[in-house]
Amino acid sequence: MSFIPGFHNTTSPKRQFYMDLMLQCTGLLQGQRNLVTNTANISSLVYHSLLETPTRADKPVNWVGFYFQDSTNPDSLILGPFQGKPACTQITFGRGVCGTAAKDAKSVVVADVHEFPGHIACDAASNSEIVVPLKAANGGVLGVFDIDSSVKDAFDDDDRIGLEAIANLVVEASDF
C-alpha cells in the first residue's frame, strides 16, 4: 500500500516520509497476524524513523507505543508494546489523552500536554502528544496508538493523517 487517504500532494517532505513509512510498515506486517509481534515491530519502526528523519530533527519523539482495550475491564486500556521509558500500565476511557481518544474514537493532537485537562504524566519529558484510536470495522475502539515528543507543538495534521493510516494498517493486518 502506497496510498494514504488525505495525502493528495506528496511533494511535501513530511508527506513523502509517511508514504515511505507506510511501505515499510506494509513489509513488516506481511504474512504475520500476531498482534503483539506486529505492534512491537511497528512501534520500533515508527519510533526510530521519527527520531532519525532530518525533517523532524527539531521535534524528537520520546515514546511510541500501543495501548489495547483491556479484556478484563472493557472501559480501560492496558499497556502494549512500546519504545521509550516505562509507561502507565492502565488508563480508563475518558482519562488523559489516550483515554480521551479511546472514548471519543477520534485522534487527538495536543500541542502542549500540560494544558490538556487530566493529562497523565507517565514521562515528565513529554510536552506534546498525538493519539490515534485503533478502530474495528464496526467502529468500536480496540486500543490506541500513542506518540509523545519532548518538545511542544511537535505534531500536525500531516502527522495525524500519516499515523491514522499506519494505525488502520495495523488493525487490518492483526488479529485482535
N, C-alpha and C. Protein backbone atom coordinates (compact mmCIF):
# COMPACT_ATOMS: atom_id res chain seq x y z
N MET A 1 0.85 -1.18 0.00
CA MET A 1 0.00 0.00 0.00
C MET A 1 0.89 1.24 0.00
N SER A 2 0.72 2.09 -0.98
CA SER A 2 1.50 3.32 -1.01
C SER A 2 0.60 4.54 -0.99
N PHE A 3 -0.71 4.33 -0.89
CA PHE A 3 -1.65 5.44 -0.89
C PHE A 3 -2.10 5.73 0.53
N ILE A 4 -2.07 7.00 0.90
CA ILE A 4 -2.59 7.43 2.20
C ILE A 4 -3.73 8.38 1.94
N PRO A 5 -4.96 8.01 2.34
CA PRO A 5 -6.09 8.92 2.14
C PRO A 5 -5.80 10.27 2.79
N GLY A 6 -6.11 11.33 2.08
CA GLY A 6 -5.88 12.68 2.59
C GLY A 6 -4.56 13.28 2.14
N PHE A 7 -3.69 12.47 1.56
CA PHE A 7 -2.40 12.96 1.08
C PHE A 7 -2.45 13.06 -0.45
N HIS A 8 -3.09 14.08 -0.94
CA HIS A 8 -3.20 14.26 -2.39
C HIS A 8 -1.91 14.82 -2.97
N ASN A 9 -1.22 15.67 -2.19
CA ASN A 9 0.04 16.26 -2.63
C ASN A 9 1.18 15.56 -1.92
N THR A 10 1.93 14.75 -2.63
CA THR A 10 3.03 14.02 -1.99
C THR A 10 4.38 14.67 -2.23
N THR A 11 4.39 15.94 -2.65
CA THR A 11 5.67 16.63 -2.83
C THR A 11 6.23 17.14 -1.51
N SER A 12 5.40 17.23 -0.49
CA SER A 12 5.85 17.66 0.83
C SER A 12 6.79 16.60 1.41
N PRO A 13 7.95 17.01 1.96
CA PRO A 13 8.86 16.03 2.56
C PRO A 13 8.21 15.19 3.66
N LYS A 14 7.35 15.80 4.47
CA LYS A 14 6.70 15.04 5.54
C LYS A 14 5.71 14.04 4.96
N ARG A 15 4.97 14.43 3.97
CA ARG A 15 4.02 13.51 3.35
C ARG A 15 4.76 12.35 2.68
N GLN A 16 5.85 12.65 2.02
CA GLN A 16 6.66 11.60 1.40
C GLN A 16 7.23 10.66 2.46
N PHE A 17 7.64 11.23 3.60
CA PHE A 17 8.13 10.43 4.72
C PHE A 17 7.08 9.40 5.14
N TYR A 18 5.83 9.84 5.29
CA TYR A 18 4.77 8.92 5.71
C TYR A 18 4.42 7.91 4.62
N MET A 19 4.51 8.31 3.37
CA MET A 19 4.28 7.35 2.28
C MET A 19 5.34 6.25 2.34
N ASP A 20 6.60 6.64 2.52
CA ASP A 20 7.69 5.67 2.62
C ASP A 20 7.54 4.80 3.87
N LEU A 21 7.15 5.41 4.97
CA LEU A 21 6.96 4.67 6.22
C LEU A 21 5.84 3.64 6.08
N MET A 22 4.77 4.00 5.36
CA MET A 22 3.68 3.04 5.12
C MET A 22 4.18 1.82 4.36
N LEU A 23 5.05 2.04 3.38
CA LEU A 23 5.60 0.91 2.63
C LEU A 23 6.41 0.00 3.54
N GLN A 24 7.20 0.59 4.43
CA GLN A 24 8.00 -0.20 5.37
C GLN A 24 7.08 -0.96 6.35
N CYS A 25 6.03 -0.30 6.81
CA CYS A 25 5.08 -0.97 7.71
C CYS A 25 4.40 -2.14 7.02
N THR A 26 4.02 -1.93 5.79
CA THR A 26 3.38 -2.99 5.00
C THR A 26 4.29 -4.21 4.91
N GLY A 27 5.56 -3.96 4.65
CA GLY A 27 6.53 -5.06 4.56
C GLY A 27 6.69 -5.80 5.88
N LEU A 28 6.74 -5.06 6.97
CA LEU A 28 6.88 -5.70 8.29
C LEU A 28 5.67 -6.55 8.66
N LEU A 29 4.50 -6.10 8.26
CA LEU A 29 3.25 -6.77 8.65
C LEU A 29 2.89 -7.94 7.73
N GLN A 30 3.48 -7.99 6.57
CA GLN A 30 3.13 -9.01 5.58
C GLN A 30 3.37 -10.42 6.12
N GLY A 31 2.33 -11.23 6.07
CA GLY A 31 2.44 -12.63 6.46
C GLY A 31 2.40 -12.88 7.95
N GLN A 32 2.17 -11.84 8.75
CA GLN A 32 2.14 -12.01 10.21
C GLN A 32 0.84 -11.41 10.75
N ARG A 33 0.09 -12.17 11.53
CA ARG A 33 -1.19 -11.69 12.09
C ARG A 33 -1.13 -11.47 13.60
N ASN A 34 -0.03 -11.88 14.24
CA ASN A 34 0.05 -11.78 15.69
C ASN A 34 0.09 -10.32 16.14
N LEU A 35 -0.83 -9.95 17.00
CA LEU A 35 -0.97 -8.57 17.46
C LEU A 35 0.27 -8.06 18.18
N VAL A 36 0.82 -8.85 19.08
CA VAL A 36 2.00 -8.41 19.84
C VAL A 36 3.20 -8.24 18.92
N THR A 37 3.42 -9.21 18.05
CA THR A 37 4.53 -9.13 17.11
C THR A 37 4.40 -7.89 16.22
N ASN A 38 3.21 -7.70 15.67
CA ASN A 38 3.00 -6.58 14.75
C ASN A 38 3.16 -5.22 15.45
N THR A 39 2.57 -5.07 16.61
CA THR A 39 2.65 -3.76 17.28
C THR A 39 4.03 -3.51 17.86
N ALA A 40 4.75 -4.56 18.23
CA ALA A 40 6.13 -4.38 18.69
C ALA A 40 7.00 -3.87 17.55
N ASN A 41 6.88 -4.48 16.39
CA ASN A 41 7.67 -4.05 15.23
C ASN A 41 7.27 -2.65 14.75
N ILE A 42 5.99 -2.37 14.73
CA ILE A 42 5.55 -1.05 14.26
C ILE A 42 5.97 0.05 15.23
N SER A 43 5.86 -0.19 16.54
CA SER A 43 6.29 0.84 17.49
C SER A 43 7.78 1.11 17.35
N SER A 44 8.58 0.07 17.14
CA SER A 44 10.01 0.25 16.95
C SER A 44 10.31 1.00 15.65
N LEU A 45 9.69 0.58 14.56
CA LEU A 45 9.92 1.22 13.27
C LEU A 45 9.54 2.69 13.31
N VAL A 46 8.37 3.00 13.83
CA VAL A 46 7.91 4.39 13.87
C VAL A 46 8.80 5.22 14.79
N TYR A 47 9.12 4.69 15.95
CA TYR A 47 9.99 5.41 16.90
C TYR A 47 11.32 5.79 16.25
N HIS A 48 12.00 4.81 15.70
CA HIS A 48 13.31 5.07 15.12
C HIS A 48 13.22 5.90 13.84
N SER A 49 12.19 5.71 13.06
CA SER A 49 12.02 6.51 11.84
C SER A 49 11.78 7.98 12.18
N LEU A 50 10.94 8.24 13.17
CA LEU A 50 10.70 9.63 13.57
C LEU A 50 11.94 10.27 14.18
N LEU A 51 12.71 9.49 14.92
CA LEU A 51 13.94 10.02 15.52
C LEU A 51 15.01 10.34 14.49
N GLU A 52 15.09 9.51 13.46
CA GLU A 52 16.20 9.60 12.51
C GLU A 52 15.89 10.41 11.26
N THR A 53 14.69 10.97 11.16
CA THR A 53 14.31 11.72 9.97
C THR A 53 14.75 13.17 10.09
N PRO A 54 15.56 13.66 9.16
CA PRO A 54 16.06 15.03 9.25
C PRO A 54 14.96 16.08 9.33
N THR A 55 13.82 15.85 8.67
CA THR A 55 12.74 16.84 8.71
C THR A 55 12.10 16.95 10.08
N ARG A 56 12.40 16.02 10.98
CA ARG A 56 11.82 16.03 12.32
C ARG A 56 12.90 16.23 13.39
N ALA A 57 14.10 16.58 13.01
CA ALA A 57 15.21 16.67 13.95
C ALA A 57 14.93 17.63 15.10
N ASP A 58 14.14 18.66 14.85
CA ASP A 58 13.83 19.63 15.91
C ASP A 58 12.60 19.23 16.72
N LYS A 59 12.00 18.09 16.40
CA LYS A 59 10.80 17.62 17.09
C LYS A 59 10.94 16.14 17.43
N PRO A 60 11.88 15.81 18.30
CA PRO A 60 12.15 14.39 18.60
C PRO A 60 11.02 13.72 19.38
N VAL A 61 10.82 12.45 19.10
CA VAL A 61 9.86 11.66 19.87
C VAL A 61 10.58 11.05 21.06
N ASN A 62 9.85 10.81 22.14
CA ASN A 62 10.44 10.13 23.29
C ASN A 62 9.62 8.90 23.70
N TRP A 63 8.49 8.66 23.04
CA TRP A 63 7.69 7.48 23.35
C TRP A 63 6.77 7.18 22.16
N VAL A 64 6.75 5.92 21.75
CA VAL A 64 5.84 5.44 20.69
C VAL A 64 5.35 4.08 21.11
N GLY A 65 4.04 3.90 21.15
CA GLY A 65 3.54 2.59 21.52
C GLY A 65 2.04 2.45 21.44
N PHE A 66 1.59 1.32 21.93
CA PHE A 66 0.19 0.94 21.83
C PHE A 66 -0.40 0.65 23.20
N TYR A 67 -1.66 0.98 23.35
CA TYR A 67 -2.49 0.53 24.45
C TYR A 67 -3.67 -0.20 23.83
N PHE A 68 -4.08 -1.30 24.45
CA PHE A 68 -5.21 -2.09 23.95
C PHE A 68 -6.36 -2.06 24.93
N GLN A 69 -7.57 -2.24 24.40
CA GLN A 69 -8.72 -2.36 25.29
C GLN A 69 -8.49 -3.57 26.18
N ASP A 70 -8.65 -3.38 27.48
CA ASP A 70 -8.41 -4.43 28.46
C ASP A 70 -9.54 -5.45 28.43
N SER A 71 -9.23 -6.71 28.18
CA SER A 71 -10.27 -7.74 28.08
C SER A 71 -10.97 -7.99 29.41
N THR A 72 -10.33 -7.68 30.52
CA THR A 72 -10.96 -7.88 31.84
C THR A 72 -11.70 -6.65 32.32
N ASN A 73 -11.45 -5.50 31.70
CA ASN A 73 -12.11 -4.25 32.04
C ASN A 73 -12.29 -3.44 30.76
N PRO A 74 -13.39 -3.65 30.03
CA PRO A 74 -13.55 -3.06 28.70
C PRO A 74 -13.60 -1.53 28.68
N ASP A 75 -13.70 -0.89 29.84
CA ASP A 75 -13.69 0.58 29.89
C ASP A 75 -12.31 1.13 30.18
N SER A 76 -11.28 0.31 29.93
CA SER A 76 -9.92 0.79 30.16
C SER A 76 -8.96 0.23 29.11
N LEU A 77 -7.82 0.88 29.04
CA LEU A 77 -6.74 0.48 28.13
C LEU A 77 -5.62 -0.13 28.95
N ILE A 78 -4.96 -1.12 28.39
CA ILE A 78 -3.82 -1.78 29.04
C ILE A 78 -2.60 -1.60 28.14
N LEU A 79 -1.45 -1.39 28.75
CA LEU A 79 -0.22 -1.14 28.02
C LEU A 79 0.15 -2.31 27.10
N GLY A 80 0.55 -1.97 25.89
CA GLY A 80 1.03 -2.93 24.91
C GLY A 80 2.48 -2.63 24.55
N PRO A 81 2.96 -3.17 23.46
CA PRO A 81 4.35 -2.94 23.04
C PRO A 81 4.63 -1.45 22.80
N PHE A 82 5.86 -1.04 23.17
CA PHE A 82 6.23 0.37 23.02
C PHE A 82 7.74 0.52 22.96
N GLN A 83 8.17 1.73 22.61
CA GLN A 83 9.57 2.16 22.65
C GLN A 83 9.60 3.42 23.50
N GLY A 84 10.49 3.46 24.47
CA GLY A 84 10.60 4.62 25.35
C GLY A 84 10.72 4.19 26.79
N LYS A 85 10.58 5.18 27.69
CA LYS A 85 10.66 4.89 29.12
C LYS A 85 9.42 4.13 29.58
N PRO A 86 9.49 3.47 30.76
CA PRO A 86 8.31 2.78 31.28
C PRO A 86 7.10 3.70 31.29
N ALA A 87 5.92 3.10 31.13
CA ALA A 87 4.69 3.87 30.95
C ALA A 87 3.61 3.44 31.92
N CYS A 88 2.54 4.21 31.93
CA CYS A 88 1.36 3.86 32.71
C CYS A 88 0.84 2.52 32.20
N THR A 89 0.42 1.66 33.11
CA THR A 89 0.01 0.33 32.69
C THR A 89 -1.47 0.24 32.37
N GLN A 90 -2.30 1.09 32.96
CA GLN A 90 -3.73 1.04 32.70
C GLN A 90 -4.30 2.45 32.69
N ILE A 91 -5.15 2.74 31.71
CA ILE A 91 -5.75 4.06 31.55
C ILE A 91 -7.24 3.88 31.31
N THR A 92 -8.04 4.56 32.08
CA THR A 92 -9.50 4.49 31.94
C THR A 92 -9.96 5.31 30.74
N PHE A 93 -10.92 4.79 29.98
CA PHE A 93 -11.51 5.54 28.87
C PHE A 93 -11.97 6.90 29.40
N GLY A 94 -11.62 7.96 28.68
CA GLY A 94 -12.01 9.30 29.07
C GLY A 94 -10.97 10.03 29.90
N ARG A 95 -9.94 9.33 30.36
CA ARG A 95 -8.91 9.94 31.21
C ARG A 95 -7.63 10.18 30.41
N GLY A 96 -7.10 11.38 30.47
CA GLY A 96 -5.87 11.71 29.75
C GLY A 96 -6.08 11.72 28.25
N VAL A 97 -5.00 11.90 27.52
CA VAL A 97 -5.08 11.97 26.06
C VAL A 97 -5.46 10.62 25.47
N CYS A 98 -4.82 9.55 25.94
CA CYS A 98 -5.14 8.21 25.42
C CYS A 98 -6.59 7.82 25.71
N GLY A 99 -7.02 8.04 26.93
CA GLY A 99 -8.39 7.70 27.31
C GLY A 99 -9.42 8.52 26.57
N THR A 100 -9.09 9.78 26.28
CA THR A 100 -10.00 10.65 25.52
C THR A 100 -10.11 10.17 24.08
N ALA A 101 -9.00 9.83 23.46
CA ALA A 101 -9.02 9.32 22.08
C ALA A 101 -9.82 8.02 22.01
N ALA A 102 -9.67 7.16 23.02
CA ALA A 102 -10.40 5.89 23.05
C ALA A 102 -11.89 6.14 23.25
N LYS A 103 -12.25 7.00 24.18
CA LYS A 103 -13.66 7.28 24.48
C LYS A 103 -14.36 7.91 23.29
N ASP A 104 -13.70 8.89 22.66
CA ASP A 104 -14.32 9.63 21.55
C ASP A 104 -14.12 8.96 20.20
N ALA A 105 -13.27 7.92 20.13
CA ALA A 105 -12.97 7.20 18.89
C ALA A 105 -12.48 8.14 17.80
N LYS A 106 -11.65 9.12 18.20
CA LYS A 106 -11.05 10.02 17.21
C LYS A 106 -9.68 10.46 17.68
N SER A 107 -8.84 10.78 16.71
CA SER A 107 -7.47 11.19 17.00
C SER A 107 -7.44 12.49 17.79
N VAL A 108 -6.45 12.58 18.66
CA VAL A 108 -6.26 13.78 19.47
C VAL A 108 -4.81 14.24 19.29
N VAL A 109 -4.65 15.49 18.86
CA VAL A 109 -3.34 16.10 18.70
C VAL A 109 -3.24 17.19 19.77
N VAL A 110 -2.24 17.08 20.64
CA VAL A 110 -2.09 18.02 21.75
C VAL A 110 -0.76 18.74 21.62
N ALA A 111 -0.81 20.05 21.41
CA ALA A 111 0.40 20.86 21.24
C ALA A 111 1.18 21.00 22.54
N ASP A 112 0.47 21.07 23.67
CA ASP A 112 1.10 21.21 24.99
C ASP A 112 0.33 20.35 25.98
N VAL A 113 0.90 19.21 26.34
CA VAL A 113 0.20 18.27 27.22
C VAL A 113 -0.09 18.86 28.59
N HIS A 114 0.68 19.86 28.99
CA HIS A 114 0.48 20.45 30.31
C HIS A 114 -0.79 21.31 30.37
N GLU A 115 -1.34 21.62 29.21
CA GLU A 115 -2.59 22.36 29.14
C GLU A 115 -3.79 21.46 28.87
N PHE A 116 -3.56 20.16 28.70
CA PHE A 116 -4.64 19.22 28.42
C PHE A 116 -5.29 18.80 29.75
N PRO A 117 -6.59 19.02 29.90
CA PRO A 117 -7.25 18.66 31.15
C PRO A 117 -7.12 17.16 31.46
N GLY A 118 -6.61 16.84 32.62
CA GLY A 118 -6.48 15.45 33.04
C GLY A 118 -5.31 14.71 32.44
N HIS A 119 -4.36 15.44 31.86
CA HIS A 119 -3.19 14.77 31.26
C HIS A 119 -2.52 13.87 32.28
N ILE A 120 -2.14 12.67 31.85
CA ILE A 120 -1.44 11.72 32.71
C ILE A 120 0.05 11.81 32.35
N ALA A 121 0.85 12.22 33.30
CA ALA A 121 2.28 12.40 33.05
C ALA A 121 3.05 11.12 33.34
N CYS A 122 3.09 10.23 32.36
CA CYS A 122 3.87 8.99 32.52
C CYS A 122 5.36 9.28 32.39
N ASP A 123 5.72 10.15 31.46
CA ASP A 123 7.11 10.55 31.24
C ASP A 123 7.17 12.07 31.35
N ALA A 124 7.88 12.57 32.34
CA ALA A 124 7.97 14.01 32.58
C ALA A 124 8.58 14.76 31.39
N ALA A 125 9.29 14.05 30.51
CA ALA A 125 9.92 14.69 29.35
C ALA A 125 8.91 15.00 28.24
N SER A 126 7.72 14.42 28.29
CA SER A 126 6.73 14.63 27.23
C SER A 126 6.12 16.02 27.33
N ASN A 127 6.08 16.70 26.18
CA ASN A 127 5.48 18.04 26.11
C ASN A 127 4.37 18.15 25.08
N SER A 128 4.35 17.25 24.09
CA SER A 128 3.25 17.20 23.14
C SER A 128 2.97 15.74 22.79
N GLU A 129 1.79 15.51 22.23
CA GLU A 129 1.36 14.12 22.05
C GLU A 129 0.34 14.03 20.93
N ILE A 130 0.34 12.89 20.28
CA ILE A 130 -0.71 12.55 19.32
C ILE A 130 -1.16 11.13 19.63
N VAL A 131 -2.46 10.92 19.70
CA VAL A 131 -3.02 9.60 19.97
C VAL A 131 -4.07 9.29 18.91
N VAL A 132 -3.92 8.12 18.30
CA VAL A 132 -4.80 7.68 17.21
C VAL A 132 -5.53 6.42 17.68
N PRO A 133 -6.86 6.41 17.62
CA PRO A 133 -7.58 5.19 18.01
C PRO A 133 -7.39 4.07 16.98
N LEU A 134 -7.36 2.86 17.48
CA LEU A 134 -7.35 1.66 16.64
C LEU A 134 -8.80 1.23 16.53
N LYS A 135 -9.40 1.41 15.37
CA LYS A 135 -10.84 1.18 15.21
C LYS A 135 -11.13 -0.15 14.53
N ALA A 136 -12.09 -0.87 15.10
CA ALA A 136 -12.59 -2.11 14.50
C ALA A 136 -13.48 -1.74 13.32
N ALA A 137 -13.79 -2.72 12.49
CA ALA A 137 -14.65 -2.50 11.33
C ALA A 137 -16.02 -1.95 11.74
N ASN A 138 -16.50 -2.33 12.94
CA ASN A 138 -17.81 -1.87 13.40
C ASN A 138 -17.74 -0.49 14.07
N GLY A 139 -16.55 0.13 14.08
CA GLY A 139 -16.40 1.46 14.67
C GLY A 139 -15.97 1.45 16.12
N GLY A 140 -15.98 0.28 16.76
CA GLY A 140 -15.54 0.17 18.14
C GLY A 140 -14.04 0.40 18.25
N VAL A 141 -13.60 0.78 19.43
CA VAL A 141 -12.18 1.06 19.66
C VAL A 141 -11.50 -0.17 20.26
N LEU A 142 -10.43 -0.61 19.60
CA LEU A 142 -9.66 -1.77 20.04
C LEU A 142 -8.46 -1.36 20.91
N GLY A 143 -8.09 -0.09 20.81
CA GLY A 143 -6.95 0.43 21.53
C GLY A 143 -6.54 1.76 20.94
N VAL A 144 -5.31 2.19 21.25
CA VAL A 144 -4.80 3.45 20.70
C VAL A 144 -3.32 3.31 20.36
N PHE A 145 -2.89 4.15 19.44
CA PHE A 145 -1.50 4.29 19.02
C PHE A 145 -1.07 5.66 19.54
N ASP A 146 -0.07 5.69 20.41
CA ASP A 146 0.31 6.89 21.15
C ASP A 146 1.75 7.28 20.84
N ILE A 147 1.96 8.55 20.49
CA ILE A 147 3.30 9.07 20.21
C ILE A 147 3.48 10.36 20.99
N ASP A 148 4.58 10.44 21.75
CA ASP A 148 4.92 11.62 22.55
C ASP A 148 6.19 12.26 22.03
N SER A 149 6.29 13.58 22.24
CA SER A 149 7.51 14.31 21.89
C SER A 149 7.95 15.15 23.09
N SER A 150 9.25 15.37 23.16
CA SER A 150 9.80 16.16 24.26
C SER A 150 9.70 17.66 24.00
N VAL A 151 9.22 18.05 22.83
CA VAL A 151 9.03 19.47 22.53
C VAL A 151 7.55 19.76 22.30
N LYS A 152 7.15 21.00 22.54
CA LYS A 152 5.77 21.40 22.31
C LYS A 152 5.49 21.53 20.82
N ASP A 153 4.23 21.31 20.47
CA ASP A 153 3.75 21.50 19.11
C ASP A 153 4.53 20.68 18.07
N ALA A 154 4.78 19.42 18.41
CA ALA A 154 5.58 18.56 17.55
C ALA A 154 4.78 17.87 16.44
N PHE A 155 3.45 17.87 16.55
CA PHE A 155 2.63 17.12 15.61
C PHE A 155 1.62 18.02 14.93
N ASP A 156 1.34 17.70 13.66
CA ASP A 156 0.37 18.50 12.90
C ASP A 156 -0.58 17.56 12.16
N ASP A 157 -1.35 18.14 11.25
CA ASP A 157 -2.34 17.35 10.53
C ASP A 157 -1.71 16.30 9.62
N ASP A 158 -0.54 16.59 9.06
CA ASP A 158 0.14 15.57 8.24
C ASP A 158 0.54 14.37 9.09
N ASP A 159 1.00 14.63 10.33
CA ASP A 159 1.32 13.52 11.24
C ASP A 159 0.05 12.72 11.54
N ARG A 160 -1.04 13.43 11.82
CA ARG A 160 -2.30 12.74 12.14
C ARG A 160 -2.72 11.84 10.99
N ILE A 161 -2.72 12.37 9.78
CA ILE A 161 -3.14 11.57 8.62
C ILE A 161 -2.22 10.37 8.41
N GLY A 162 -0.92 10.60 8.48
CA GLY A 162 0.04 9.51 8.28
C GLY A 162 -0.07 8.44 9.36
N LEU A 163 -0.21 8.86 10.62
CA LEU A 163 -0.30 7.90 11.72
C LEU A 163 -1.65 7.18 11.75
N GLU A 164 -2.71 7.85 11.32
CA GLU A 164 -4.01 7.17 11.20
C GLU A 164 -3.93 6.06 10.15
N ALA A 165 -3.25 6.33 9.05
CA ALA A 165 -3.10 5.30 8.00
C ALA A 165 -2.32 4.10 8.54
N ILE A 166 -1.26 4.36 9.32
CA ILE A 166 -0.48 3.27 9.91
C ILE A 166 -1.34 2.49 10.91
N ALA A 167 -2.10 3.20 11.74
CA ALA A 167 -2.97 2.53 12.71
C ALA A 167 -4.00 1.64 11.99
N ASN A 168 -4.58 2.13 10.93
CA ASN A 168 -5.55 1.34 10.16
C ASN A 168 -4.88 0.11 9.57
N LEU A 169 -3.68 0.26 9.08
CA LEU A 169 -2.93 -0.85 8.53
C LEU A 169 -2.67 -1.93 9.59
N VAL A 170 -2.29 -1.51 10.78
CA VAL A 170 -2.05 -2.44 11.90
C VAL A 170 -3.33 -3.22 12.22
N VAL A 171 -4.45 -2.53 12.27
CA VAL A 171 -5.73 -3.19 12.59
C VAL A 171 -6.07 -4.22 11.51
N GLU A 172 -5.92 -3.83 10.24
CA GLU A 172 -6.24 -4.74 9.14
C GLU A 172 -5.33 -5.97 9.13
N ALA A 173 -4.08 -5.80 9.54
CA ALA A 173 -3.09 -6.88 9.43
C ALA A 173 -3.00 -7.76 10.67
N SER A 174 -3.71 -7.41 11.75
CA SER A 174 -3.53 -8.11 13.02
C SER A 174 -4.81 -8.74 13.54
N ASP A 175 -4.64 -9.81 14.30
CA ASP A 175 -5.77 -10.47 14.96
C ASP A 175 -5.91 -9.89 16.36
N PHE A 176 -7.01 -9.18 16.60
CA PHE A 176 -7.28 -8.59 17.91
C PHE A 176 -8.12 -9.54 18.74
